Protein backbone atom coordinates (compact mmCIF):
# COMPACT_ATOMS: atom_id res chain seq x y z
CA MET A 1 28.50 -1.88 38.75
CA ASN A 2 31.46 -4.26 38.46
CA GLU A 3 31.96 -4.15 34.69
CA VAL A 4 30.98 -1.49 32.18
CA LYS A 5 31.41 -2.03 28.45
CA PHE A 6 31.59 0.67 25.78
CA PRO A 7 31.50 -0.12 22.04
CA TYR A 8 34.71 0.98 20.30
CA LYS A 9 34.30 1.32 16.55
CA PRO A 10 34.19 4.04 13.91
CA ASN A 11 30.93 5.57 12.74
CA VAL A 12 30.19 3.50 9.62
CA VAL A 13 28.16 6.25 7.91
CA ILE A 14 31.02 8.72 8.22
CA MET A 15 33.51 6.08 7.04
CA ILE A 16 31.41 5.30 3.95
CA LEU A 17 30.83 8.98 3.13
CA SER A 18 34.52 9.85 3.47
CA THR A 19 35.52 6.81 1.38
CA VAL A 20 33.06 7.72 -1.37
CA THR A 21 34.29 11.33 -1.26
CA MET A 22 37.94 10.26 -1.59
CA ALA A 23 37.09 7.88 -4.44
CA SER A 24 35.17 10.65 -6.23
CA ILE A 25 38.07 13.06 -5.84
CA ALA A 26 40.48 10.39 -7.12
CA LEU A 27 38.30 9.81 -10.19
CA GLY A 28 37.96 13.54 -10.82
CA LEU A 29 41.69 14.14 -10.52
CA GLY A 30 42.36 11.12 -12.73
CA TYR A 31 40.09 12.57 -15.38
CA ILE A 32 41.81 15.96 -15.07
CA ALA A 33 45.21 14.27 -15.41
CA LYS A 34 44.08 12.32 -18.46
CA THR A 35 42.61 15.31 -20.27
CA ASN A 36 45.06 17.99 -19.10
CA ASP A 37 46.39 20.35 -21.76
CA ARG A 38 47.61 23.23 -19.55
CA GLY A 39 50.41 24.02 -17.18
CA LEU A 40 49.81 24.82 -13.53
CA ILE A 41 51.02 27.59 -11.24
CA LEU A 42 50.56 27.07 -7.48
CA ASN A 43 50.40 30.28 -5.43
CA ARG A 44 52.66 32.03 -7.93
CA VAL A 45 55.53 30.02 -6.44
CA ILE A 46 55.61 26.61 -8.11
CA GLU A 47 55.21 26.43 -11.86
CA PHE A 48 54.49 23.20 -13.75
CA SER A 49 54.66 22.61 -17.47
CA VAL A 50 51.79 20.74 -19.14
CA GLU A 51 53.60 17.45 -18.52
CA GLY A 52 54.48 18.41 -14.94
CA ALA A 53 50.89 19.42 -14.19
CA THR A 54 49.63 16.12 -15.62
CA ILE A 55 52.03 14.19 -13.38
CA PHE A 56 51.02 16.33 -10.40
CA TYR A 57 47.30 15.66 -10.98
CA GLY A 58 48.06 11.97 -11.48
CA CYS A 59 49.97 11.80 -8.18
CA LEU A 60 47.08 13.49 -6.36
CA ALA A 61 44.64 11.05 -7.97
CA VAL A 62 46.74 8.07 -6.85
CA ALA A 63 47.06 9.45 -3.31
CA CYS A 64 43.28 9.96 -3.06
CA GLY A 65 42.73 6.49 -4.53
CA VAL A 66 44.99 4.95 -1.89
CA LEU A 67 43.08 6.80 0.84
CA ALA A 68 39.81 5.50 -0.63
CA ILE A 69 41.19 1.94 -0.54
CA PHE A 70 42.22 2.40 3.10
CA GLY A 71 38.71 3.74 3.75
CA VAL A 72 37.16 0.59 2.28
CA ILE A 73 39.44 -1.59 4.40
CA ALA A 74 38.70 0.43 7.55
CA THR A 75 34.96 0.27 6.87
CA ILE A 76 35.09 -3.51 6.44
CA ILE A 77 37.14 -3.89 9.63
CA GLY A 78 34.69 -1.61 11.46
CA LEU A 79 31.73 -3.67 10.32
CA THR A 80 33.23 -7.10 10.93
CA THR A 81 35.09 -6.73 14.21
CA LYS A 82 33.68 -6.21 17.67
CA LYS A 83 35.91 -4.05 19.78
CA GLU A 84 35.01 -2.63 23.13
CA ILE A 85 36.37 -0.80 26.11
CA LEU A 86 35.91 -2.70 29.35
CA LEU A 87 36.01 -0.98 32.73
CA THR A 88 36.23 -3.05 35.87
CA ARG A 89 36.64 -1.81 39.42
CA SER A 90 40.41 -2.10 39.13
CA SER A 91 41.35 -1.68 35.45
CA ILE A 92 40.51 -0.55 31.94
CA SER A 93 40.93 -2.79 28.89
CA ALA A 94 40.88 -1.13 25.47
CA PRO A 95 42.35 -1.54 21.99
CA LYS A 96 45.81 0.00 21.72
CA SER A 97 44.55 2.11 18.79
CA ALA A 98 41.65 2.32 16.36
CA ILE A 99 43.28 -0.17 13.98
CA SER A 100 45.08 -2.38 16.47
CA LYS A 101 43.97 -5.87 17.45
CA LYS A 102 46.08 -5.67 20.60
CA ILE A 103 44.11 -5.04 23.80
CA LEU A 104 45.83 -3.15 26.60
CA THR A 105 44.79 -3.74 30.20
CA ILE A 106 45.81 -0.94 32.52
CA PRO A 107 45.28 -1.19 36.27
CA PHE A 108 43.87 2.08 37.61
CA LYS A 109 46.58 2.07 40.29
CA ASP A 110 49.14 2.51 37.46
CA VAL A 111 47.39 5.57 35.98
CA THR A 112 49.32 8.73 36.78
CA LYS A 113 47.20 11.24 34.88
CA ILE A 114 44.27 11.60 32.51
CA ASN A 115 43.53 14.56 30.29
CA ILE A 116 41.32 15.52 27.39
CA GLN A 117 42.84 17.11 24.31
CA THR A 118 40.64 18.90 21.79
CA VAL A 119 41.80 19.14 18.19
CA GLN A 120 39.40 20.85 15.78
CA LYS A 121 36.31 19.94 17.85
CA GLN A 122 37.45 16.32 18.18
CA LYS A 123 38.26 15.17 21.71
CA PHE A 124 40.86 12.62 22.75
CA LEU A 125 41.08 11.05 26.20
CA HIS A 126 44.72 10.45 27.13
CA ILE A 127 45.37 7.97 29.92
CA ILE A 128 48.97 8.24 31.06
CA HIS A 129 50.13 5.20 32.98
CA ALA A 130 53.32 3.54 34.24
CA ARG A 131 53.96 1.77 30.88
CA GLY A 132 53.04 4.60 28.51
CA LYS A 133 49.90 6.24 27.20
CA LEU A 134 46.53 5.04 25.93
CA THR A 135 44.52 7.41 23.74
CA ILE A 136 40.79 7.00 23.20
CA PRO A 137 39.32 9.22 20.45
CA GLN A 138 35.77 10.46 21.01
CA ASN A 139 34.76 9.48 17.47
CA MET A 140 35.38 5.80 18.26
CA LEU A 141 32.45 5.81 20.68
CA PRO A 142 28.82 6.02 19.50
CA SER A 143 28.13 9.40 21.13
CA LYS A 144 29.63 12.35 22.96
CA LYS A 145 27.54 11.40 25.99
CA LEU A 146 29.17 7.95 26.19
CA PHE A 147 32.61 9.56 25.84
CA GLU A 148 31.83 11.86 28.77
CA GLU A 149 30.46 8.94 30.79
CA LEU A 150 33.61 6.91 30.09
CA THR A 151 35.82 9.83 31.12
CA THR A 152 33.87 10.36 34.34
CA LEU A 153 33.98 6.66 35.25
CA ILE A 154 37.72 6.45 34.65
CA ALA A 155 38.37 9.60 36.68
CA SER A 156 36.28 8.22 39.55
CA ARG A 157 38.24 4.94 39.64
CA ILE A 158 41.74 6.39 39.70
CA PRO A 159 43.11 6.35 43.25
CA GLY A 160 44.27 9.61 44.74
């Protein structure tokens, strides 16, 4: 087992669903902004006039629209690029981040620590090394099982 490769890309179904959801919210908020004839009070703290509420809804619509556009771009990148994590006996090579084209190669002898962080049921593998930190999100691998396998393999190859 000299080299082990793991696919590194977002789940396309989730990307499409979240993009469609953001686009739908943007359209809905745009419609609300266009047809608004009422003011808005948020948590009895912030009060908007009719015009202020319309601007507020419009800003939310634009923000959701921008997120939908980023979702389309991310989905296209996810479908058209082939990224992977490569483990050899002596190093790991992986994209610097989910959107980066730069590949980092980290010798296992330079790894000082690895840990797993859980944020709202999402796991992140942090590989701390002499030149910084590499983070691998669980959702960039096809399954939880592969994430666990990757973590185990890395842990087994770190000296010490």
